[in-house]
């Protein structure tokens, strides 16, 4: 019996419907429970455009107009998407509140009509919308008209609120006005129409401080990712994300290296206590203590100082990156990169001092004397002198590294300064071209 009712809806047969009701007056009460998709016969008839049987359904059971299927769509959603004006009108006569119902994708009947360019349906739906300016968001009707290149539908919407500039210049979640979106999709007819309707308002600033004319053209139908590249949004966010990920990996690796140096200092540790005693009868060194700390305390202190700076700074960077702080601006990423340069540089200093400390004492004293610390080499009686190693290559590499770091630092500093200057110029342009009311609204 239920299947016969759905068959009558698909065929639009009013006579078959009346015969079924005569046999079972409660057939409408069981249909929603028997349907897996919660799709009522009215959904099917409204989608297929069978006006006569739709009117019969609404006469017999008006509450069917507000029923939703498994995707949250009412019969008005389906009729609006298909462009069945007469059925839309009949449904609105029974319940105008359905105009504001959203499906599981967050779309109202007006959204679906705008996507399909159903001009006559839009005109009927506008009667049922209390205030169209409330119909905004990522899937706003105006933006959908531009997204699907529906110029005539856009005209109907714009002309219906011709005195509402805020609605015409509304922005989506990405800070784009309809003019921005039309420019990105290279829809010249829509751009010209908006210019004639809104005048200077078409140049409203988006979230990047750019106007419609500032946004470069992109091919028709290009993907959203390519559109963001043209706008600079996607490219900027991708750059920041990659830099944060690189800093996280590098900071983690340096922290692990610094931990290893701290636990296993250069030169190793003594395996047993010294058999020789000092003036107080204590061993000269103890098992497990650093050999370098005994033989060259100044070099050991330098190694530990440089290594500790790298270790603590790396842990701080990792903590900041995993804390969830919104490092969205280029200046924050620049600070992170400078911190990483400090980490890498001090790790390089640790290497230079550690390698030099394992050469002959006269040579390695060049390292500590350069920084102002001198440590006389210990004397070991009855032992042959240690061969002298030339450490000039270490110093050449050391100064080359400092020069390289300085060049990179200057390049990024210049880029940061240029970015700040550009942001200031955009802000001044916005201040000069916008009215006080617009500035208050944007703030």
Protein backbone atom coordinates (compact mmCIF):
# COMPACT_ATOMS: atom_id res chain seq x y z
CA UNK A 1 0.00 0.00 0.00
CA UNK A 2 2.82 2.42 0.89
CA UNK A 3 4.67 1.61 -2.32
CA UNK A 4 1.50 2.32 -4.28
CA UNK A 5 1.31 5.75 -2.65
CA UNK A 6 4.86 6.56 -3.72
CA UNK A 7 4.05 5.28 -7.20
CA UNK A 8 1.10 7.67 -7.37
CA UNK A 9 3.42 10.52 -6.30
CA UNK A 10 5.95 9.67 -9.01
CA UNK A 11 3.22 9.55 -11.67
CA UNK A 12 1.35 12.58 -10.34
CA UNK A 13 -1.92 10.62 -10.37
CA UNK A 14 -4.56 12.28 -8.18
CA UNK A 15 -7.11 9.54 -8.97
CA UNK A 16 -4.78 6.82 -7.69
CA UNK A 17 -4.17 8.85 -4.55
CA UNK A 18 -7.89 9.19 -3.82
CA UNK A 19 -8.42 5.44 -4.29
CA UNK A 20 -5.61 4.65 -1.85
CA UNK A 21 -7.00 7.04 0.76
CA UNK A 22 -10.44 5.51 0.37
CA UNK A 23 -8.98 2.09 1.16
CA UNK A 24 -6.75 3.30 4.02
CA UNK A 25 -7.50 6.76 5.53
CA UNK A 26 -4.41 6.48 7.82
CA UNK A 27 -1.94 5.85 5.04
CA UNK A 28 -0.28 9.28 5.48
CA UNK A 29 0.44 8.59 9.15
CA UNK A 30 2.48 5.47 8.37
CA UNK A 31 4.45 6.69 5.37
CA UNK A 32 7.27 8.62 7.15
CA UNK A 33 7.88 5.63 9.43
CA UNK A 34 8.09 3.19 6.53
CA UNK A 35 10.50 5.31 4.46
CA UNK A 36 14.21 4.79 5.17
CA UNK A 37 15.14 8.24 3.85
CA UNK A 38 12.20 9.96 5.61
CA UNK A 39 11.20 11.16 2.16
CA UNK A 40 7.47 11.80 2.04
CA UNK A 41 5.35 11.45 -1.10
CA UNK A 42 5.18 15.25 -1.12
CA UNK A 43 8.98 15.40 -1.51
CA UNK A 44 8.76 13.24 -4.63
CA UNK A 45 5.84 15.11 -6.15
CA UNK A 46 7.45 18.51 -5.45
CA UNK A 47 10.75 17.42 -6.98
CA UNK A 48 9.09 16.05 -10.12
CA UNK A 49 6.81 19.07 -10.54
CA UNK A 50 3.42 17.36 -10.21
CA UNK A 51 1.38 20.38 -9.13
CA UNK A 52 -2.05 18.75 -8.94
CA UNK A 53 -1.06 15.99 -6.57
CA UNK A 54 1.01 18.46 -4.51
CA UNK A 55 -2.10 20.56 -3.96
CA UNK A 56 -4.02 17.42 -2.98
CA UNK A 57 -1.32 16.43 -0.48
CA UNK A 58 -1.34 19.89 1.08
CA UNK A 59 -5.13 19.88 1.28
CA UNK A 60 -5.26 16.48 3.00
CA UNK A 61 -2.21 16.89 5.26
CA UNK A 62 -0.76 20.47 5.35
CA UNK A 63 1.96 19.57 7.87
CA UNK A 64 3.77 17.60 5.15
CA UNK A 65 5.09 20.95 3.89
CA UNK A 66 7.42 21.22 6.91
CA UNK A 67 8.67 17.61 6.86
CA UNK A 68 12.38 17.05 6.18
CA UNK A 69 14.10 14.09 4.57
CA UNK A 70 17.30 12.41 5.79
CA UNK A 71 19.39 15.28 4.37
CA UNK A 72 17.33 17.95 6.13
CA UNK A 73 15.60 19.10 2.93
CA UNK A 74 11.96 20.10 2.89
CA UNK A 75 9.69 19.81 -0.18
CA UNK A 76 10.34 23.53 -0.68
CA UNK A 77 14.08 22.83 -1.02
CA UNK A 78 13.46 20.33 -3.81
CA UNK A 79 10.89 22.45 -5.65
CA UNK A 80 13.18 25.51 -5.43
CA UNK A 81 16.18 23.60 -6.76
CA UNK A 82 14.15 22.29 -9.71
CA UNK A 83 12.51 25.64 -10.46
CA UNK A 84 8.86 24.58 -10.04
CA UNK A 85 7.37 28.03 -9.37
CA UNK A 86 3.75 26.93 -8.97
CA UNK A 87 4.66 24.31 -6.40
CA UNK A 88 6.86 26.79 -4.53
CA UNK A 89 3.93 29.17 -4.37
CA UNK A 90 1.60 26.44 -3.05
CA UNK A 91 4.09 25.40 -0.37
CA UNK A 92 4.62 28.99 0.77
CA UNK A 93 0.88 29.45 1.14
CA UNK A 94 0.88 26.64 3.69
CA UNK A 95 4.06 27.51 5.60
CA UNK A 96 6.39 30.46 4.98
CA UNK A 97 8.70 29.54 7.87
CA UNK A 98 10.19 26.76 5.75
CA UNK A 99 12.08 29.49 3.85
CA UNK A 100 14.58 29.74 6.72
CA UNK A 101 15.07 25.98 7.19
CA UNK A 102 18.60 24.81 6.36
CA UNK A 103 19.56 21.35 5.16
CA UNK A 104 22.56 19.39 6.42
CA UNK A 105 24.82 21.49 4.16
CA UNK A 106 23.51 24.70 5.73
CA UNK A 107 21.55 25.76 2.63
CA UNK A 108 18.08 27.24 2.51
CA UNK A 109 15.63 27.00 -0.41
CA UNK A 110 16.85 30.45 -1.48
CA UNK A 111 20.42 29.13 -1.67
CA UNK A 112 19.39 26.25 -3.93
CA UNK A 113 17.35 28.55 -6.15
CA UNK A 114 20.33 30.92 -6.46
CA UNK A 115 22.67 28.06 -7.36
CA UNK A 116 20.31 26.95 -10.13
CA UNK A 117 19.56 30.47 -11.35
CA UNK A 118 15.81 30.03 -10.71
CA UNK A 119 14.83 33.68 -11.05
CA UNK A 120 11.06 33.22 -10.73
CA UNK A 121 11.49 30.97 -7.71
CA UNK A 122 13.76 33.54 -6.06
CA UNK A 123 11.09 36.20 -6.49
CA UNK A 124 8.54 33.97 -4.74
CA UNK A 125 10.94 33.06 -1.95
CA UNK A 126 11.83 36.68 -1.26
CA UNK A 127 8.24 37.19 -0.19
CA UNK A 128 8.70 34.55 2.50
CA UNK A 129 12.07 35.81 3.76
CA UNK A 130 11.57 38.26 6.61
CA UNK A 131 14.93 39.96 6.14
CA UNK A 132 17.30 38.76 3.49
CA UNK A 133 20.32 40.35 5.15
CA UNK A 134 20.09 37.62 7.79
CA UNK A 135 20.78 35.07 5.06
CA UNK A 136 24.55 35.45 5.11
CA UNK A 137 27.57 33.27 5.74
CA UNK A 138 29.85 31.09 3.70
CA UNK A 139 26.98 29.93 1.49
CA UNK A 140 25.15 33.27 1.26
CA UNK A 141 22.79 33.59 -1.68
CA UNK A 142 24.70 36.48 -3.26
CA UNK A 143 28.00 34.63 -3.19
CA UNK A 144 26.37 31.49 -4.57
CA UNK A 145 25.02 33.47 -7.53
CA UNK A 146 28.58 34.56 -8.31
CA UNK A 147 30.02 31.12 -7.59
CA UNK A 148 27.69 29.53 -10.15
CA UNK A 149 27.72 32.55 -12.52
CA UNK A 150 24.00 33.33 -12.19
CA UNK A 151 23.82 36.98 -13.23
CA UNK A 152 20.03 37.26 -13.55
CA UNK A 153 19.52 35.67 -10.14
CA UNK A 154 22.08 38.07 -8.69
CA UNK A 155 20.20 41.02 -10.17
CA UNK A 156 16.96 39.93 -8.50
CA UNK A 157 18.66 39.62 -5.11
CA UNK A 158 20.54 42.91 -5.38
CA UNK A 159 17.49 44.86 -6.57
CA UNK A 160 15.38 43.43 -3.76
CA UNK A 161 17.62 45.15 -1.20
CA UNK A 162 18.79 48.11 -3.23
CA UNK A 163 18.96 50.36 -0.16
CA UNK A 164 20.98 47.91 1.93
CA UNK A 165 24.66 48.54 1.14
CA UNK A 166 25.76 46.27 3.96
CA UNK A 167 24.05 43.31 2.30
CA UNK A 168 25.46 44.04 -1.17
CA UNK A 169 28.98 44.33 0.26
CA UNK A 170 28.67 41.42 2.69
CA UNK A 171 31.73 39.20 3.05
CA UNK A 172 32.09 35.45 3.29
CA UNK A 173 34.20 33.59 5.83
CA UNK A 174 37.33 34.34 3.80
CA UNK A 175 36.71 38.09 3.88
CA UNK A 176 35.67 38.23 0.21
CA UNK A 177 32.84 40.37 -1.10
CA UNK A 178 30.81 39.31 -4.12
CA UNK A 179 32.94 41.69 -6.18
CA UNK A 180 36.12 39.97 -4.98
CA UNK A 181 34.71 36.57 -5.89
CA UNK A 182 33.54 37.74 -9.32
CA UNK A 183 36.99 39.18 -10.04
CA UNK A 184 38.67 35.95 -8.95
CA UNK A 185 36.48 33.93 -11.32
CA UNK A 186 36.90 36.50 -14.12
CA UNK A 187 33.13 37.02 -14.47
CA UNK A 188 33.24 40.35 -16.28
CA UNK A 189 29.49 40.78 -16.73
CA UNK A 190 28.87 40.39 -13.01
CA UNK A 191 31.75 42.77 -12.23
CA UNK A 192 30.31 45.44 -14.53
CA UNK A 193 26.83 45.00 -13.10
CA UNK A 194 28.03 45.34 -9.51
CA UNK A 195 30.00 48.44 -10.46
CA UNK A 196 26.86 50.09 -11.86
CA UNK A 197 24.80 49.14 -8.82
CA UNK A 198 27.21 49.89 -5.99
CA UNK A 199 29.54 52.53 -7.41
CA UNK A 200 32.57 52.99 -5.19
CA UNK A 201 31.31 50.36 -2.78
CA UNK A 202 32.54 47.74 -5.22
CA UNK A 203 36.02 48.67 -4.01
CA UNK A 204 35.34 47.62 -0.43
CA UNK A 205 38.48 46.28 1.20
CA UNK A 206 38.74 42.57 1.89
CA UNK A 207 40.57 40.92 4.79
CA UNK A 208 43.96 41.41 3.06
CA UNK A 209 43.47 45.15 2.60
CA UNK A 210 43.03 44.64 -1.15
CA UNK A 211 40.23 45.97 -3.34
CA UNK A 212 38.56 44.29 -6.27
CA UNK A 213 40.84 45.96 -8.78
CA UNK A 214 43.88 44.83 -6.82
CA UNK A 215 43.04 41.15 -7.21
CA UNK A 216 44.61 39.56 -10.31
CA UNK A 217 42.52 37.74 -12.87
CA UNK A 218 42.27 33.97 -12.74
CA UNK A 219 40.97 31.54 -15.37
CA UNK A 220 37.26 30.77 -15.38
CA UNK A 221 36.41 27.71 -13.36
CA UNK A 222 39.78 27.48 -11.63
CA UNK A 223 39.97 25.53 -8.41
CA UNK A 224 39.57 27.22 -5.04
CA UNK A 225 43.21 26.54 -4.23
CA UNK A 226 44.35 28.39 -7.35
CA UNK A 227 42.00 31.26 -6.54
CA UNK A 228 43.60 31.62 -3.13
CA UNK A 229 47.00 31.63 -4.81
CA UNK A 230 45.85 34.50 -7.03
CA UNK A 231 44.63 36.39 -3.99
CA UNK A 232 47.79 35.66 -2.02
CA UNK A 233 45.80 34.11 0.84
CA UNK A 234 46.52 30.46 0.22
CA UNK A 235 50.16 31.14 -0.63
CA UNK A 236 50.69 33.16 2.54
CA UNK A 237 49.04 30.62 4.85
CA UNK A 238 50.95 27.78 3.18
CA UNK A 239 54.26 29.62 3.63
CA UNK A 240 53.61 30.22 7.32
CA UNK A 241 52.54 26.62 7.87
CA UNK A 242 55.64 25.20 6.18
CA UNK A 243 57.94 27.49 8.14
CA UNK A 244 56.33 26.51 11.46
CA UNK A 245 56.66 22.82 10.59
CA UNK A 246 60.32 23.29 9.63
CA UNK A 247 61.05 25.13 12.88
CA UNK A 248 59.34 22.38 14.89
CA UNK A 249 61.42 19.62 13.27
CA UNK A 250 64.70 21.53 13.54
CA UNK A 251 64.08 22.54 17.17
CA UNK A 252 63.30 18.94 18.12
CA UNK A 253 66.47 17.62 16.46
CA UNK A 254 68.68 20.28 18.07
CA UNK A 255 67.16 19.61 21.49
CA UNK A 256 67.97 15.90 21.09
CA UNK A 257 71.55 16.70 20.02
CA UNK A 258 72.05 19.09 22.93
CA UNK A 259 70.71 16.51 25.37
CA UNK A 260 73.20 13.97 24.04
CA UNK A 261 76.11 16.41 24.45
CA UNK A 262 75.03 17.13 28.02
CA UNK A 263 74.81 13.45 28.96
CA UNK A 264 77.96 12.43 27.03
CA UNK A 265 80.38 15.41 27.07
CA UNK A 266 83.24 15.56 24.52
CA UNK A 267 86.19 13.37 25.49
CA UNK A 268 84.01 11.01 27.52
CA UNK A 269 84.04 10.40 31.27
CA UNK A 270 86.48 8.79 33.66
CA UNK A 271 85.85 5.09 34.16
CA UNK A 272 87.30 4.94 37.68
CA UNK A 273 88.45 7.22 40.46
CA UNK A 274 91.89 8.75 40.22
CA UNK A 275 94.58 6.98 42.17
CA UNK A 276 96.44 10.24 42.61
CA UNK A 277 95.40 12.44 45.51
CA UNK A 278 95.26 16.17 45.92
CA UNK A 279 96.58 18.09 48.91
CA UNK A 280 93.50 17.17 50.95
CA UNK A 281 93.71 13.48 50.22
CA UNK A 282 90.85 13.45 47.71
CA UNK A 283 91.10 11.84 44.25
CA UNK A 284 91.94 14.26 41.44
CA UNK A 285 88.83 13.07 39.60
CA UNK A 286 85.95 10.68 40.13
CA UNK A 287 84.44 7.96 37.97
CA UNK A 288 81.60 9.26 35.77
CA UNK A 289 82.88 12.85 35.69
CA UNK A 290 83.93 14.62 32.49
CA UNK A 291 87.49 14.16 31.33
CA UNK A 292 87.33 17.53 29.54
CA UNK A 293 86.23 19.27 32.76
CA UNK A 294 89.40 18.01 34.44
CA UNK A 295 91.85 18.56 31.60
CA UNK A 296 90.49 21.89 30.30
CA UNK A 297 87.86 23.47 32.57
CA UNK A 298 87.56 26.63 30.44
CA UNK A 299 86.72 24.67 27.28
CA UNK A 300 84.28 22.48 29.22
CA UNK A 301 82.45 25.53 30.57
CA UNK A 302 82.19 26.99 27.07
CA UNK A 303 80.83 23.73 25.66
CA UNK A 304 78.23 23.48 28.40
CA UNK A 305 77.26 27.16 28.09
CA UNK A 306 76.77 27.02 24.31
CA UNK A 307 75.03 23.66 24.55
CA UNK A 308 72.67 24.84 27.30
CA UNK A 309 71.61 27.88 25.26
CA UNK A 310 70.75 25.62 22.30
CA UNK A 311 68.92 23.11 24.51
CA UNK A 312 66.81 25.61 26.46
CA UNK A 313 66.00 27.70 23.38
CA UNK A 314 64.95 24.60 21.41
CA UNK A 315 62.68 23.40 24.20
CA UNK A 316 61.12 26.87 24.40
CA UNK A 317 60.40 26.88 20.66
CA UNK A 318 58.83 23.42 20.79
CA UNK A 319 56.66 24.50 23.73
CA UNK A 320 55.49 27.62 21.88
CA UNK A 321 54.66 25.72 18.70
CA UNK A 322 52.64 23.00 20.46
CA UNK A 323 50.84 25.49 22.72
CA UNK A 324 48.44 26.45 19.93
CA UNK A 325 49.24 30.17 19.90
CA UNK A 326 47.98 31.83 16.67
CA UNK A 327 51.25 32.56 14.82
CA UNK A 328 49.39 33.87 11.77
CA UNK A 329 51.51 36.89 10.98
CA UNK A 330 54.83 36.96 9.19
CA UNK A 331 56.55 38.84 12.03
CA UNK A 332 55.92 35.96 14.47
CA UNK A 333 57.40 33.47 12.05
CA UNK A 334 60.38 35.77 11.56
CA UNK A 335 60.99 35.73 15.33
CA UNK A 336 60.83 31.92 15.31
CA UNK A 337 63.36 31.75 12.49
CA UNK A 338 65.75 34.11 14.28
CA UNK A 339 65.52 31.90 17.37
CA UNK A 340 66.38 28.91 15.21
CA UNK A 341 69.43 30.69 13.80
CA UNK A 342 70.59 31.31 17.37
CA UNK A 343 70.12 27.61 18.17
CA UNK A 344 72.06 26.46 15.12
CA UNK A 345 74.83 29.00 15.68
CA UNK A 346 75.37 28.00 19.30
CA UNK A 347 75.35 24.36 18.29
CA UNK A 348 78.12 25.25 15.83
CA UNK A 349 80.05 27.01 18.61
CA UNK A 350 79.70 23.86 20.71
CA UNK A 351 81.18 21.79 17.91
CA UNK A 352 84.14 24.14 17.36
CA UNK A 353 85.08 24.23 21.05
CA UNK A 354 84.56 20.48 21.49
CA UNK A 355 86.73 19.56 18.50
CA UNK A 356 89.42 22.05 19.47
CA UNK A 357 89.52 20.76 23.03
CA UNK A 358 90.62 17.36 21.76
CA UNK A 359 93.70 18.82 20.02
CA UNK A 360 96.95 19.82 21.66
CA UNK A 361 96.45 22.33 24.46
CA UNK A 362 98.46 25.12 22.81
CA UNK A 363 96.17 24.96 19.80
CA UNK A 364 92.90 24.73 21.63
CA UNK A 365 93.81 27.67 23.84
CA UNK A 366 93.27 29.80 20.74
CA UNK A 367 89.58 29.13 21.13
CA UNK A 368 89.28 30.14 24.75
CA UNK A 369 91.73 33.04 24.44
CA UNK A 370 89.63 34.49 21.62
CA UNK A 371 86.73 34.83 24.06
CA UNK A 372 88.97 36.08 26.88
CA UNK A 373 89.33 32.90 28.93
CA UNK A 374 92.69 31.25 29.39
CA UNK A 375 93.30 27.89 30.95
CA UNK A 376 96.84 26.58 31.38
CA UNK A 377 97.25 23.04 30.12
CA UNK A 378 97.60 20.40 32.82
CA UNK A 379 100.91 18.61 33.11
CA UNK A 380 101.22 14.86 32.93
CA UNK A 381 104.65 13.66 34.04
CA UNK A 382 106.30 10.77 32.27
CA UNK A 383 104.02 11.13 29.21
CA UNK A 384 104.96 11.92 25.63
CA UNK A 385 103.72 15.28 24.27
CA UNK A 386 100.52 15.23 22.25
CA UNK A 387 100.98 15.85 18.50
CA UNK A 388 100.08 19.35 17.35
CA UNK A 389 97.03 19.63 15.07
CA UNK A 390 96.39 22.60 12.84
CA UNK A 391 92.96 24.01 13.69
CA UNK A 392 92.94 26.79 11.09
CA UNK A 393 90.35 24.91 9.02
CA UNK A 394 87.98 25.04 11.99
CA UNK A 395 88.30 28.79 12.18
CA UNK A 396 87.79 29.19 8.44
CA UNK A 397 84.58 27.16 8.66
CA UNK A 398 83.56 29.10 11.77
CA UNK A 399 83.83 32.52 10.13
CA UNK A 400 82.24 31.27 6.90
CA UNK A 401 79.27 30.10 8.95
CA UNK A 402 78.99 33.46 10.72
CA UNK A 403 79.07 35.25 7.37
CA UNK A 404 76.39 32.97 5.92
CA UNK A 405 74.11 33.45 8.94
CA UNK A 406 74.60 37.22 8.76
CA UNK A 407 73.63 37.34 5.08
CA UNK A 408 70.49 35.24 5.66
CA UNK A 409 69.56 37.38 8.65
CA UNK A 410 69.91 40.60 6.65
CA UNK A 411 67.83 39.21 3.76
CA UNK A 412 64.97 38.21 6.04
CA UNK A 413 65.20 41.47 7.94
CA UNK A 414 64.88 43.45 4.70
CA UNK A 415 61.88 41.33 3.69
CA UNK A 416 60.27 41.97 7.06
CA UNK A 417 60.82 45.72 6.76
CA UNK A 418 59.33 45.74 3.25
CA UNK A 419 56.32 43.78 4.50
CA UNK A 420 55.76 46.26 7.34
CA UNK A 421 56.01 49.19 4.93
CA UNK A 422 53.52 47.54 2.56
CA UNK A 423 51.05 46.94 5.39
CA UNK A 424 51.34 50.56 6.49
CA UNK A 425 50.70 51.78 2.94
CA UNK A 426 47.63 49.53 2.65
CA UNK A 427 46.34 50.87 5.96
CA UNK A 428 46.84 54.46 4.80
CA UNK A 429 45.07 53.68 1.52
CA UNK A 430 42.16 52.23 3.45
CA UNK A 431 42.02 55.27 5.74
CA UNK A 432 41.99 57.70 2.82
CA UNK A 433 39.46 55.85 0.64
CA UNK A 434 36.90 54.74 3.24
CA UNK A 435 34.37 56.78 5.16
CA UNK A 436 34.33 57.00 9.00
CA UNK A 437 31.25 54.76 9.16
CA UNK A 438 32.96 52.08 7.08
CA UNK A 439 36.04 52.21 9.29
CA UNK A 440 33.93 51.75 12.40
CA UNK A 441 32.10 48.85 10.78
CA UNK A 442 35.34 47.10 9.73
CA UNK A 443 36.82 47.56 13.18
